[in-house]
């Protein structure tokens, strides 16, 4: 067993080796990359990404990224393709084939079939003198000097390079499509990420009570209102306008003073923080964090009091 220091040294070496492999990719970004992006962008069909072994795993990830960023894609395992799954490839589809060597038996069988179909073939390949590279219409070079594996065998640096090249392709397509955060949210409705992109304040505050008192409301009634509405605060309004807010903290501070206030106006905090009901919930969270508060008053565009959004509402939705 290696010592702790030796294990950490190995990890750092792997990271440095793979970092170098990624940095070298910059030298391979040429007109072929631009042509690949233009071809996928203008394709009438989908992007079919195929590979074998570890390259197949990378292909799955690239397909996922493309689908979530506006480019319809599907994964085709190279071995399954030559046993019936080649029927997934339709006219107008662009095929991306990923391989380190470009010379595996499955690739040598698959590539001519794709060419016979008339589909454009893009190779992400680590050997530009390979069968795949020679047969492809467009070649994206992902050559690495050596694998991070000490035996220079296990795909490590090479698969990282393939992954980064796929990400570069996907991000370039995002820019070409002007794919926005709103577009992204349509494909990510679930989970914390999706909720950050589509969940609005209006979706949350409406579930809460609407605590409200007037400036002349007696303190005893203020406490009753806050207790019954269970939001740790109440808004003070007068003539349909927001005058201030009273929080649990204001009540605690009141009890620590010798002066005993009688009405809401005596302890309310004027100029409270507000947020429009149309804002994203994640923006409400950021405002709470910036001001070290746990609730915001929700208003419409005319400044009318609508309700309260509490940090617990956001926590419940799993946005944090």
C-alpha atoms as a PDB file:
ATOM      1  CA  UNK A   1       0.000   0.000   0.000  1.00  0.00           C
ATOM      2  CA  UNK A   2       1.257   3.461  -0.878  1.00  0.00           C
ATOM      3  CA  UNK A   3       1.706   6.107   1.785  1.00  0.00           C
ATOM      4  CA  UNK A   4      -0.757   8.961   2.083  1.00  0.00           C
ATOM      5  CA  UNK A   5       1.768  11.404   0.594  1.00  0.00           C
ATOM      6  CA  UNK A   6       2.457   9.090  -2.337  1.00  0.00           C
ATOM      7  CA  UNK A   7      -1.257   8.663  -3.039  1.00  0.00           C
ATOM      8  CA  UNK A   8      -1.739  12.430  -3.092  1.00  0.00           C
ATOM      9  CA  UNK A   9       1.254  12.805  -5.398  1.00  0.00           C
ATOM     10  CA  UNK A  10      -0.273  10.298  -7.817  1.00  0.00           C
ATOM     11  CA  UNK A  11      -3.561  12.203  -7.834  1.00  0.00           C
ATOM     12  CA  UNK A  12      -1.826  15.504  -8.564  1.00  0.00           C
ATOM     13  CA  UNK A  13       0.139  13.869 -11.373  1.00  0.00           C
ATOM     14  CA  UNK A  14      -3.028  12.543 -12.977  1.00  0.00           C
ATOM     15  CA  UNK A  15      -4.645  15.965 -12.795  1.00  0.00           C
ATOM     16  CA  UNK A  16      -1.578  17.606 -14.335  1.00  0.00           C
ATOM     17  CA  UNK A  17      -1.397  15.007 -17.114  1.00  0.00           C
ATOM     18  CA  UNK A  18      -5.025  15.473 -18.027  1.00  0.00           C
ATOM     19  CA  UNK A  19      -4.748  19.264 -17.774  1.00  0.00           C
ATOM     20  CA  UNK A  20      -1.902  19.158 -20.285  1.00  0.00           C
ATOM     21  CA  UNK A  21      -3.980  17.000 -22.599  1.00  0.00           C
ATOM     22  CA  UNK A  22      -6.807  19.532 -22.482  1.00  0.00           C
ATOM     23  CA  UNK A  23      -4.484  22.476 -23.030  1.00  0.00           C
ATOM     24  CA  UNK A  24      -3.070  20.775 -26.124  1.00  0.00           C
ATOM     25  CA  UNK A  25      -6.567  20.627 -27.623  1.00  0.00           C
ATOM     26  CA  UNK A  26      -6.293  24.342 -28.363  1.00  0.00           C
ATOM     27  CA  UNK A  27      -3.784  23.489 -31.071  1.00  0.00           C
ATOM     28  CA  UNK A  28      -6.348  21.268 -32.804  1.00  0.00           C
ATOM     29  CA  UNK A  29      -9.147  23.815 -33.050  1.00  0.00           C
ATOM     30  CA  UNK A  30      -9.105  24.775 -36.730  1.00  0.00           C
ATOM     31  CA  UNK A  31     -11.478  25.192 -39.666  1.00  0.00           C
ATOM     32  CA  UNK A  32     -12.579  21.583 -39.230  1.00  0.00           C
ATOM     33  CA  UNK A  33     -14.109  22.479 -35.874  1.00  0.00           C
ATOM     34  CA  UNK A  34     -15.979  25.421 -37.408  1.00  0.00           C
ATOM     35  CA  UNK A  35     -17.194  23.172 -40.209  1.00  0.00           C
ATOM     36  CA  UNK A  36     -18.409  20.591 -37.695  1.00  0.00           C
ATOM     37  CA  UNK A  37     -20.427  23.221 -35.805  1.00  0.00           C
ATOM     38  CA  UNK A  38     -21.894  24.612 -39.036  1.00  0.00           C
ATOM     39  CA  UNK A  39     -22.814  21.114 -40.227  1.00  0.00           C
ATOM     40  CA  UNK A  40     -24.632  20.200 -37.031  1.00  0.00           C
ATOM     41  CA  UNK A  41     -26.305  23.606 -36.813  1.00  0.00           C
ATOM     42  CA  UNK A  42     -27.734  23.388 -40.323  1.00  0.00           C
ATOM     43  CA  UNK A  43     -28.632  19.679 -40.224  1.00  0.00           C
ATOM     44  CA  UNK A  44     -32.253  18.808 -40.913  1.00  0.00           C
ATOM     45  CA  UNK A  45     -32.040  15.750 -38.676  1.00  0.00           C
ATOM     46  CA  UNK A  46     -30.529  14.834 -35.324  1.00  0.00           C
ATOM     47  CA  UNK A  47     -27.010  14.205 -34.115  1.00  0.00           C
ATOM     48  CA  UNK A  48     -26.235  10.515 -33.671  1.00  0.00           C
ATOM     49  CA  UNK A  49     -23.183   9.983 -31.449  1.00  0.00           C
ATOM     50  CA  UNK A  50     -21.528   6.575 -31.471  1.00  0.00           C
ATOM     51  CA  UNK A  51     -18.492   4.846 -29.999  1.00  0.00           C
ATOM     52  CA  UNK A  52     -17.211   1.677 -28.387  1.00  0.00           C
ATOM     53  CA  UNK A  53     -15.826   1.005 -24.911  1.00  0.00           C
ATOM     54  CA  UNK A  54     -14.935   4.079 -22.846  1.00  0.00           C
ATOM     55  CA  UNK A  55     -15.570   6.287 -25.878  1.00  0.00           C
ATOM     56  CA  UNK A  56     -19.181   5.075 -25.812  1.00  0.00           C
ATOM     57  CA  UNK A  57     -19.495   6.377 -22.243  1.00  0.00           C
ATOM     58  CA  UNK A  58     -18.227   9.761 -23.397  1.00  0.00           C
ATOM     59  CA  UNK A  59     -20.706   9.656 -26.273  1.00  0.00           C
ATOM     60  CA  UNK A  60     -23.589   9.212 -23.824  1.00  0.00           C
ATOM     61  CA  UNK A  61     -22.534  12.330 -21.915  1.00  0.00           C
ATOM     62  CA  UNK A  62     -22.157  14.389 -25.087  1.00  0.00           C
ATOM     63  CA  UNK A  63     -25.630  13.310 -26.222  1.00  0.00           C
ATOM     64  CA  UNK A  64     -27.054  14.414 -22.877  1.00  0.00           C
ATOM     65  CA  UNK A  65     -25.383  17.817 -23.147  1.00  0.00           C
ATOM     66  CA  UNK A  66     -26.570  18.358 -26.714  1.00  0.00           C
ATOM     67  CA  UNK A  67     -30.159  17.404 -25.901  1.00  0.00           C
ATOM     68  CA  UNK A  68     -30.296  19.737 -22.921  1.00  0.00           C
ATOM     69  CA  UNK A  69     -28.951  22.677 -24.906  1.00  0.00           C
ATOM     70  CA  UNK A  70     -31.194  22.638 -27.948  1.00  0.00           C
ATOM     71  CA  UNK A  71     -29.530  20.123 -30.278  1.00  0.00           C
ATOM     72  CA  UNK A  72     -31.577  16.906 -30.651  1.00  0.00           C
ATOM     73  CA  UNK A  73     -29.230  13.941 -30.261  1.00  0.00           C
ATOM     74  CA  UNK A  74     -29.220  10.209 -29.575  1.00  0.00           C
ATOM     75  CA  UNK A  75     -26.644   7.605 -28.626  1.00  0.00           C
ATOM     76  CA  UNK A  76     -25.869   4.632 -30.843  1.00  0.00           C
ATOM     77  CA  UNK A  77     -23.534   1.966 -29.469  1.00  0.00           C
ATOM     78  CA  UNK A  78     -21.140   0.950 -32.239  1.00  0.00           C
ATOM     79  CA  UNK A  79     -21.445  -2.759 -31.444  1.00  0.00           C
ATOM     80  CA  UNK A  80     -25.253  -2.666 -31.374  1.00  0.00           C
ATOM     81  CA  UNK A  81     -25.331  -0.595 -34.557  1.00  0.00           C
ATOM     82  CA  UNK A  82     -24.026  -3.431 -36.691  1.00  0.00           C
ATOM     83  CA  UNK A  83     -26.583  -5.807 -35.163  1.00  0.00           C
ATOM     84  CA  UNK A  84     -29.750  -3.902 -36.019  1.00  0.00           C
ATOM     85  CA  UNK A  85     -29.622  -0.556 -34.241  1.00  0.00           C
ATOM     86  CA  UNK A  86     -28.301   1.166 -37.342  1.00  0.00           C
ATOM     87  CA  UNK A  87     -31.951   1.682 -38.190  1.00  0.00           C
ATOM     88  CA  UNK A  88     -31.856   4.588 -35.720  1.00  0.00           C
ATOM     89  CA  UNK A  89     -29.923   6.645 -38.274  1.00  0.00           C
ATOM     90  CA  UNK A  90     -32.251   8.591 -40.546  1.00  0.00           C
ATOM     91  CA  UNK A  91     -31.661  10.759 -43.617  1.00  0.00           C
ATOM     92  CA  UNK A  92     -30.509  14.218 -42.563  1.00  0.00           C
ATOM     93  CA  UNK A  93     -28.853  12.979 -39.373  1.00  0.00           C
ATOM     94  CA  UNK A  94     -25.236  13.880 -38.644  1.00  0.00           C
ATOM     95  CA  UNK A  95     -23.193  11.054 -37.156  1.00  0.00           C
ATOM     96  CA  UNK A  96     -20.357  11.745 -34.709  1.00  0.00           C
ATOM     97  CA  UNK A  97     -18.074   8.770 -34.158  1.00  0.00           C
ATOM     98  CA  UNK A  98     -15.745   8.838 -31.148  1.00  0.00           C
ATOM     99  CA  UNK A  99     -12.636   6.668 -30.968  1.00  0.00           C
ATOM    100  CA  UNK A 100      -9.117   6.964 -29.620  1.00  0.00           C
ATOM    101  CA  UNK A 101      -7.463   4.647 -32.137  1.00  0.00           C
ATOM    102  CA  UNK A 102      -9.964   4.976 -34.972  1.00  0.00           C
ATOM    103  CA  UNK A 103      -9.141   1.408 -35.935  1.00  0.00           C
ATOM    104  CA  UNK A 104     -11.327  -0.838 -33.753  1.00  0.00           C
ATOM    105  CA  UNK A 105     -13.129  -3.660 -35.605  1.00  0.00           C
ATOM    106  CA  UNK A 106     -16.599  -2.307 -34.826  1.00  0.00           C
ATOM    107  CA  UNK A 107     -15.680   1.127 -36.187  1.00  0.00           C
ATOM    108  CA  UNK A 108     -14.269  -0.400 -39.369  1.00  0.00           C
ATOM    109  CA  UNK A 109     -17.556  -2.207 -39.975  1.00  0.00           C
ATOM    110  CA  UNK A 110     -19.799   0.688 -38.992  1.00  0.00           C
ATOM    111  CA  UNK A 111     -18.185   3.563 -40.854  1.00  0.00           C
ATOM    112  CA  UNK A 112     -18.708   2.257 -44.425  1.00  0.00           C
ATOM    113  CA  UNK A 113     -22.365   1.564 -43.621  1.00  0.00           C
ATOM    114  CA  UNK A 114     -22.885   5.138 -42.467  1.00  0.00           C
ATOM    115  CA  UNK A 115     -21.125   6.429 -45.547  1.00  0.00           C
ATOM    116  CA  UNK A 116     -23.402   4.306 -47.745  1.00  0.00           C
ATOM    117  CA  UNK A 117     -26.408   5.907 -46.071  1.00  0.00           C
ATOM    118  CA  UNK A 118     -25.120   9.305 -47.189  1.00  0.00           C
ATOM    119  CA  UNK A 119     -24.975  10.818 -43.697  1.00  0.00           C
ATOM    120  CA  UNK A 120     -22.237  13.302 -42.841  1.00  0.00           C
ATOM    121  CA  UNK A 121     -19.662  11.635 -40.577  1.00  0.00           C
ATOM    122  CA  UNK A 122     -17.723  13.656 -37.997  1.00  0.00           C
ATOM    123  CA  UNK A 123     -14.854  11.887 -36.246  1.00  0.00           C
ATOM    124  CA  UNK A 124     -13.616  12.764 -32.774  1.00  0.00           C
ATOM    125  CA  UNK A 125     -10.459  10.713 -32.956  1.00  0.00           C
ATOM    126  CA  UNK A 126      -7.065  10.451 -31.269  1.00  0.00           C
ATOM    127  CA  UNK A 127      -5.260   9.097 -34.325  1.00  0.00           C
ATOM    128  CA  UNK A 128      -5.452  11.224 -37.473  1.00  0.00           C
ATOM    129  CA  UNK A 129      -3.779   8.467 -39.500  1.00  0.00           C
ATOM    130  CA  UNK A 130      -6.505   5.941 -38.703  1.00  0.00           C
ATOM    131  CA  UNK A 131      -9.258   4.300 -40.725  1.00  0.00           C
ATOM    132  CA  UNK A 132     -11.890   6.496 -39.069  1.00  0.00           C
ATOM    133  CA  UNK A 133      -9.974   9.716 -39.709  1.00  0.00           C
ATOM    134  CA  UNK A 134      -9.454   8.873 -43.381  1.00  0.00           C
ATOM    135  CA  UNK A 135     -13.114   7.973 -43.931  1.00  0.00           C
ATOM    136  CA  UNK A 136     -14.727  10.830 -41.977  1.00  0.00           C
ATOM    137  CA  UNK A 137     -16.023  13.963 -43.678  1.00  0.00           C
ATOM    138  CA  UNK A 138     -14.806  16.120 -40.800  1.00  0.00           C
ATOM    139  CA  UNK A 139     -12.082  15.255 -38.286  1.00  0.00           C
ATOM    140  CA  UNK A 140     -11.791  16.717 -34.796  1.00  0.00           C
ATOM    141  CA  UNK A 141      -8.357  15.802 -33.472  1.00  0.00           C
ATOM    142  CA  UNK A 142      -8.158  14.698 -29.821  1.00  0.00           C
ATOM    143  CA  UNK A 143      -4.654  13.253 -29.880  1.00  0.00           C
ATOM    144  CA  UNK A 144      -2.940  12.985 -26.479  1.00  0.00           C
ATOM    145  CA  UNK A 145       0.762  12.393 -25.809  1.00  0.00           C
ATOM    146  CA  UNK A 146       0.061   9.715 -23.234  1.00  0.00           C
ATOM    147  CA  UNK A 147      -2.593   8.453 -20.864  1.00  0.00           C
ATOM    148  CA  UNK A 148      -2.541   9.411 -17.189  1.00  0.00           C
ATOM    149  CA  UNK A 149      -2.475   5.669 -16.500  1.00  0.00           C
ATOM    150  CA  UNK A 150       1.087   4.676 -15.443  1.00  0.00           C
ATOM    151  CA  UNK A 151       1.009   1.875 -18.026  1.00  0.00           C
ATOM    152  CA  UNK A 152      -0.237   4.266 -20.720  1.00  0.00           C
ATOM    153  CA  UNK A 153      -3.131   1.887 -21.329  1.00  0.00           C
ATOM    154  CA  UNK A 154      -6.341   2.792 -19.468  1.00  0.00           C
ATOM    155  CA  UNK A 155      -8.265   5.562 -21.296  1.00  0.00           C
ATOM    156  CA  UNK A 156      -7.872   8.588 -19.044  1.00  0.00           C
ATOM    157  CA  UNK A 157      -6.339  11.614 -20.740  1.00  0.00           C
ATOM    158  CA  UNK A 158      -7.823  10.500 -24.069  1.00  0.00           C
ATOM    159  CA  UNK A 159     -11.401  10.266 -22.778  1.00  0.00           C
ATOM    160  CA  UNK A 160     -11.024  13.609 -20.998  1.00  0.00           C
ATOM    161  CA  UNK A 161      -9.923  15.154 -24.285  1.00  0.00           C
ATOM    162  CA  UNK A 162     -12.922  13.608 -26.067  1.00  0.00           C
ATOM    163  CA  UNK A 163     -15.266  14.945 -23.406  1.00  0.00           C
ATOM    164  CA  UNK A 164     -13.856  18.471 -23.606  1.00  0.00           C
ATOM    165  CA  UNK A 165     -14.025  18.471 -27.405  1.00  0.00           C
ATOM    166  CA  UNK A 166     -17.681  17.436 -27.156  1.00  0.00           C
ATOM    167  CA  UNK A 167     -18.349  20.227 -24.658  1.00  0.00           C
ATOM    168  CA  UNK A 168     -16.648  22.731 -26.965  1.00  0.00           C
ATOM    169  CA  UNK A 169     -18.900  21.593 -29.788  1.00  0.00           C
ATOM    170  CA  UNK A 170     -22.032  21.833 -27.626  1.00  0.00           C
ATOM    171  CA  UNK A 171     -21.197  25.292 -26.269  1.00  0.00           C
ATOM    172  CA  UNK A 172     -20.412  26.616 -29.745  1.00  0.00           C
ATOM    173  CA  UNK A 173     -23.853  25.407 -30.825  1.00  0.00           C
ATOM    174  CA  UNK A 174     -25.430  27.120 -27.796  1.00  0.00           C
ATOM    175  CA  UNK A 175     -23.916  30.399 -28.971  1.00  0.00           C
ATOM    176  CA  UNK A 176     -24.966  29.829 -32.570  1.00  0.00           C
ATOM    177  CA  UNK A 177     -28.552  29.119 -31.507  1.00  0.00           C
ATOM    178  CA  UNK A 178     -28.664  32.036 -29.046  1.00  0.00           C
ATOM    179  CA  UNK A 179     -29.852  29.435 -26.557  1.00  0.00           C
ATOM    180  CA  UNK A 180     -30.955  31.366 -23.466  1.00  0.00           C
ATOM    181  CA  UNK A 181     -31.439  30.514 -19.797  1.00  0.00           C
ATOM    182  CA  UNK A 182     -35.186  30.483 -20.458  1.00  0.00           C
ATOM    183  CA  UNK A 183     -34.662  27.912 -23.210  1.00  0.00           C
ATOM    184  CA  UNK A 184     -32.469  25.893 -20.867  1.00  0.00           C
ATOM    185  CA  UNK A 185     -35.197  25.909 -18.228  1.00  0.00           C
ATOM    186  CA  UNK A 186     -37.694  24.348 -20.664  1.00  0.00           C
ATOM    187  CA  UNK A 187     -35.503  21.247 -20.820  1.00  0.00           C
ATOM    188  CA  UNK A 188     -34.652  21.222 -17.089  1.00  0.00           C
ATOM    189  CA  UNK A 189     -37.979  21.602 -15.271  1.00  0.00           C
ATOM    190  CA  UNK A 190     -36.960  19.291 -12.435  1.00  0.00           C
ATOM    191  CA  UNK A 191     -34.420  19.598  -9.663  1.00  0.00           C
ATOM    192  CA  UNK A 192     -32.750  22.623  -8.127  1.00  0.00           C
ATOM    193  CA  UNK A 193     -31.275  23.820 -11.413  1.00  0.00           C
ATOM    194  CA  UNK A 194     -34.612  23.838 -13.195  1.00  0.00           C
ATOM    195  CA  UNK A 195     -36.369  25.592 -10.346  1.00  0.00           C
ATOM    196  CA  UNK A 196     -33.745  28.339 -10.303  1.00  0.00           C
ATOM    197  CA  UNK A 197     -34.528  28.984 -13.942  1.00  0.00           C
ATOM    198  CA  UNK A 198     -38.310  28.965 -13.930  1.00  0.00           C
ATOM    199  CA  UNK A 199     -39.754  29.193 -10.392  1.00  0.00           C
ATOM    200  CA  UNK A 200     -41.014  32.699  -9.642  1.00  0.00           C
ATOM    201  CA  UNK A 201     -41.928  34.543  -6.465  1.00  0.00           C
ATOM    202  CA  UNK A 202     -45.597  34.374  -7.496  1.00  0.00           C
ATOM    203  CA  UNK A 203     -45.429  30.579  -7.378  1.00  0.00           C
ATOM    204  CA  UNK A 204     -44.426  30.634  -3.710  1.00  0.00           C
ATOM    205  CA  UNK A 205     -45.937  33.598  -1.865  1.00  0.00           C
ATOM    206  CA  UNK A 206     -49.460  32.619  -2.875  1.00  0.00           C
ATOM    207  CA  UNK A 207     -49.228  29.588  -0.578  1.00  0.00           C
ATOM    208  CA  UNK A 208     -48.731  31.801   2.488  1.00  0.00           C
ATOM    209  CA  UNK A 209     -51.068  33.820   4.668  1.00  0.00           C
ATOM    210  CA  UNK A 210     -51.128  37.594   4.159  1.00  0.00           C
ATOM    211  CA  UNK A 211     -50.340  39.272   7.511  1.00  0.00           C
ATOM    212  CA  UNK A 212     -51.392  42.921   7.643  1.00  0.00           C
ATOM    213  CA  UNK A 213     -51.985  45.595  10.279  1.00  0.00           C
ATOM    214  CA  UNK A 214     -52.416  49.355  10.256  1.00  0.00           C
ATOM    215  CA  UNK A 215     -50.046  51.850  11.927  1.00  0.00           C
ATOM    216  CA  UNK A 216     -52.619  52.330  14.716  1.00  0.00           C
ATOM    217  CA  UNK A 217     -53.045  48.622  15.469  1.00  0.00           C
ATOM    218  CA  UNK A 218     -52.348  47.901  19.166  1.00  0.00           C
ATOM    219  CA  UNK A 219     -49.218  45.880  19.885  1.00  0.00           C
ATOM    220  CA  UNK A 220     -51.306  43.060  21.363  1.00  0.00           C
ATOM    221  CA  UNK A 221     -53.193  42.719  18.091  1.00  0.00           C
ATOM    222  CA  UNK A 222     -49.925  42.895  16.128  1.00  0.00           C
ATOM    223  CA  UNK A 223     -48.678  39.889  18.094  1.00  0.00           C
ATOM    224  CA  UNK A 224     -51.918  38.009  17.457  1.00  0.00           C
ATOM    225  CA  UNK A 225     -51.697  38.740  13.701  1.00  0.00           C
ATOM    226  CA  UNK A 226     -48.092  37.586  13.509  1.00  0.00           C
ATOM    227  CA  UNK A 227     -48.792  34.464  15.526  1.00  0.00           C
ATOM    228  CA  UNK A 228     -51.844  33.451  13.511  1.00  0.00           C
ATOM    229  CA  UNK A 229     -50.189  33.973  10.115  1.00  0.00           C
ATOM    230  CA  UNK A 230     -46.991  32.161  11.202  1.00  0.00           C
ATOM    231  CA  UNK A 231     -44.531  34.000   8.970  1.00  0.00           C
ATOM    232  CA  UNK A 232     -42.523  35.781  11.637  1.00  0.00           C
ATOM    233  CA  UNK A 233     -43.659  39.190  10.466  1.00  0.00           C
ATOM    234  CA  UNK A 234     -46.525  41.414   9.489  1.00  0.00           C
ATOM    235  CA  UNK A 235     -46.747  44.225   6.976  1.00  0.00           C
ATOM    236  CA  UNK A 236     -47.979  47.615   8.094  1.00  0.00           C
ATOM    237  CA  UNK A 237     -50.205  49.321   5.531  1.00  0.00           C
ATOM    238  CA  UNK A 238     -52.153  52.560   5.365  1.00  0.00           C
ATOM    239  CA  UNK A 239     -54.471  53.601   2.540  1.00  0.00           C
ATOM    240  CA  UNK A 240     -53.331  50.589   0.464  1.00  0.00           C
ATOM    241  CA  UNK A 241     -49.709  51.735   0.727  1.00  0.00           C
ATOM    242  CA  UNK A 242     -46.909  49.869   2.511  1.00  0.00           C
ATOM    243  CA  UNK A 243     -45.732  51.824   5.545  1.00  0.00           C
ATOM    244  CA  UNK A 244     -43.382  49.287   7.092  1.00  0.00           C
ATOM    245  CA  UNK A 245     -42.826  45.796   8.438  1.00  0.00           C
ATOM    246  CA  UNK A 246     -42.684  44.298  11.925  1.00  0.00           C
ATOM    247  CA  UNK A 247     -40.693  41.136  12.503  1.00  0.00           C
ATOM    248  CA  UNK A 248     -40.099  38.788  15.409  1.00  0.00           C
ATOM    249  CA  UNK A 249     -36.839  40.629  15.933  1.00  0.00           C
ATOM    250  CA  UNK A 250     -38.650  43.914  16.366  1.00  0.00           C
ATOM    251  CA  UNK A 251     -40.830  42.359  19.077  1.00  0.00           C
ATOM    252  CA  UNK A 252     -37.786  40.989  20.913  1.00  0.00           C
ATOM    253  CA  UNK A 253     -36.080  44.355  20.805  1.00  0.00           C
ATOM    254  CA  UNK A 254     -39.283  45.977  22.107  1.00  0.00           C
ATOM    255  CA  UNK A 255     -39.211  43.722  25.160  1.00  0.00           C
ATOM    256  CA  UNK A 256     -35.619  44.753  25.901  1.00  0.00           C
ATOM    257  CA  UNK A 257     -36.490  48.454  26.199  1.00  0.00           C
ATOM    258  CA  UNK A 258     -37.976  50.241  29.179  1.00  0.00           C
ATOM    259  CA  UNK A 259     -40.289  52.215  26.900  1.00  0.00           C
ATOM    260  CA  UNK A 260     -43.425  50.234  26.126  1.00  0.00           C
ATOM    261  CA  UNK A 261     -44.794  51.129  22.652  1.00  0.00           C
ATOM    262  CA  UNK A 262     -48.532  50.969  22.123  1.00  0.00           C
ATOM    263  CA  UNK A 263     -49.118  50.708  18.387  1.00  0.00           C
ATOM    264  CA  UNK A 264     -47.596  49.151  15.286  1.00  0.00           C
ATOM    265  CA  UNK A 265     -46.156  52.455  14.105  1.00  0.00           C
ATOM    266  CA  UNK A 266     -44.015  52.631  17.257  1.00  0.00           C
ATOM    267  CA  UNK A 267     -41.963  49.547  16.396  1.00  0.00           C
ATOM    268  CA  UNK A 268     -42.338  49.037  12.662  1.00  0.00           C
ATOM    269  CA  UNK A 269     -39.330  49.178  10.379  1.00  0.00           C
ATOM    270  CA  UNK A 270     -39.974  51.733   7.603  1.00  0.00           C
ATOM    271  CA  UNK A 271     -38.850  51.233   3.988  1.00  0.00           C
ATOM    272  CA  UNK A 272     -38.886  47.427   4.091  1.00  0.00           C
ATOM    273  CA  UNK A 273     -37.356  45.253   1.394  1.00  0.00           C
ATOM    274  CA  UNK A 274     -39.800  44.330  -1.368  1.00  0.00           C
ATOM    275  CA  UNK A 275     -39.702  42.156  -4.463  1.00  0.00           C
ATOM    276  CA  UNK A 276     -41.959  41.946  -7.504  1.00  0.00           C
ATOM    277  CA  UNK A 277     -44.115  38.859  -7.835  1.00  0.00           C
ATOM    278  CA  UNK A 278     -42.709  38.335 -11.357  1.00  0.00           C
ATOM    279  CA  UNK A 279     -39.100  37.953 -10.142  1.00  0.00           C
ATOM    280  CA  UNK A 280     -37.415  34.558 -10.040  1.00  0.00           C
ATOM    281  CA  UNK A 281     -37.447  32.903  -6.632  1.00  0.00           C
ATOM    282  CA  UNK A 282     -33.659  32.524  -6.759  1.00  0.00           C
ATOM    283  CA  UNK A 283     -33.404  36.342  -6.936  1.00  0.00           C
ATOM    284  CA  UNK A 284     -35.489  36.552  -3.767  1.00  0.00           C
ATOM    285  CA  UNK A 285     -33.023  34.206  -2.091  1.00  0.00           C
ATOM    286  CA  UNK A 286     -30.091  36.353  -3.170  1.00  0.00           C
ATOM    287  CA  UNK A 287     -31.776  39.478  -1.812  1.00  0.00           C
ATOM    288  CA  UNK A 288     -32.436  37.792   1.528  1.00  0.00           C
ATOM    289  CA  UNK A 289     -28.820  36.704   1.779  1.00  0.00           C
ATOM    290  CA  UNK A 290     -27.489  40.132   0.878  1.00  0.00           C
ATOM    291  CA  UNK A 291     -29.637  41.821   3.517  1.00  0.00           C
ATOM    292  CA  UNK A 292     -29.459  39.078   6.181  1.00  0.00           C
ATOM    293  CA  UNK A 293     -33.238  38.738   6.337  1.00  0.00           C
ATOM    294  CA  UNK A 294     -35.609  35.791   6.083  1.00  0.00           C
ATOM    295  CA  UNK A 295     -38.638  37.285   4.350  1.00  0.00           C
ATOM    296  CA  UNK A 296     -39.539  39.785   1.655  1.00  0.00           C
ATOM    297  CA  UNK A 297     -42.708  41.725   0.947  1.00  0.00           C
ATOM    298  CA  UNK A 298     -44.150  40.805  -2.442  1.00  0.00           C
ATOM    299  CA  UNK A 299     -45.657  43.570  -4.550  1.00  0.00           C
ATOM    300  CA  UNK A 300     -47.035  44.059  -8.033  1.00  0.00           C
ATOM    301  CA  UNK A 301     -45.641  46.613 -10.494  1.00  0.00           C
ATOM    302  CA  UNK A 302     -47.809  49.303  -8.900  1.00  0.00           C
ATOM    303  CA  UNK A 303     -46.344  48.688  -5.449  1.00  0.00           C
ATOM    304  CA  UNK A 304     -49.481  47.048  -4.052  1.00  0.00           C
ATOM    305  CA  UNK A 305     -48.917  44.601  -1.219  1.00  0.00           C
ATOM    306  CA  UNK A 306     -49.579  41.019  -2.358  1.00  0.00           C
ATOM    307  CA  UNK A 307     -48.058  38.817   0.323  1.00  0.00           C
ATOM    308  CA  UNK A 308     -44.873  37.466   1.900  1.00  0.00           C
ATOM    309  CA  UNK A 309     -42.208  35.126   0.565  1.00  0.00           C
ATOM    310  CA  UNK A 310     -40.200  33.419   3.298  1.00  0.00           C
ATOM    311  CA  UNK A 311     -36.832  31.715   3.051  1.00  0.00           C
ATOM    312  CA  UNK A 312     -38.538  28.517   4.189  1.00  0.00           C
ATOM    313  CA  UNK A 313     -40.591  28.586   0.986  1.00  0.00           C
ATOM    314  CA  UNK A 314     -37.376  28.539  -1.030  1.00  0.00           C
ATOM    315  CA  UNK A 315     -35.775  25.855   1.141  1.00  0.00           C
ATOM    316  CA  UNK A 316     -38.866  23.683   0.712  1.00  0.00           C
ATOM    317  CA  UNK A 317     -38.492  23.839  -3.070  1.00  0.00           C
ATOM    318  CA  UNK A 318     -34.861  22.732  -2.835  1.00  0.00           C
ATOM    319  CA  UNK A 319     -33.437  25.730  -4.685  1.00  0.00           C
ATOM    320  CA  UNK A 320     -30.550  26.096  -2.227  1.00  0.00           C
END
